[in-house]
Amino acid sequence: MKNTHNFKSWKLGCINIRSGKEKSEGAKMYAVAKEIDRLGITVCCLQEVRYRNNDKRTISLPSGAEYDFIWSGPKRRRDNGVGFLVKVDRNIVAEEPDTQDPQVIAMNINIYGFKTRLVNAYSPTNTDGSSGQKDDFYRKVRKACVSTSKNHKLIVAGDFNAITSVVLKNSHFNCTSIIEDLVCNDNGSRLKQFCRSNKLSMIQTYFDVDISKRYTWFSNDGKTKRVLDY
């Protein structure tokens, strides 16, 4: 008997949306959902959602697609906030988030048979965040990475406000790599240490593109360019 295997491709996205005022937040999230549907994204991690509390709602689009919007934010202030947009599909089963914090949200999700532990994080900025705040943030992320379920692949995504030049090297950054890094801020060092201590690879360094195309930020002066966030 011939063995056959069916593989279903899917896309994971990550966007800092910088949501607007409360009166327009619904329209902003609808626009984001519409765009990720156009791009064919199955699950999208969101930062700077700026919705209060923890909740969930379904967004219906003209294409007929629907996305579950799941978020976690502060109880009173409208800042920080993280969330997920998950395409509604009978073959996608997302459990309730077991970690919900304005900076870290995590859940187990089965996407077309692929079981993953998805952690979405939003780091304090390099300049505004104190050492204590950054330590607390990474404690939360490490705790969120621990799953009681077996056979789940761990994916950590988000906005880490990190600067490091490892992505500009012709090498893959994993938990054992030692790469000369001439441009690295404190957040960048913390991110690399987090990857090493948790035996994680930095996927952004795996893109097979020209070095000139790996920059993610350009100054208005037309000269200054950096690789940010991760």
Foldseek 3Di string as FASTA:
>chain_A
DDDDDDDDDAAEEEDAQLADDPVCLVVSVLVVVVVVVVVRHAKYKYWFSQDAAWDWDKHADPVRKIWIWTKAAHHPGRTIIIIMTHTDDPQKDWDDWPDGDSFKTWTWIQHNNATAIEIEGDADALPPDDPVRRVVRVVSVVVSQDDPDPPHHYDYDYFQNWFWCLLLDLDWQWLPDDDDTPITGPSRVVVSVSRNVVGHTDCSSVDPDHSVPSWDDDDPVRPDTGRTGD
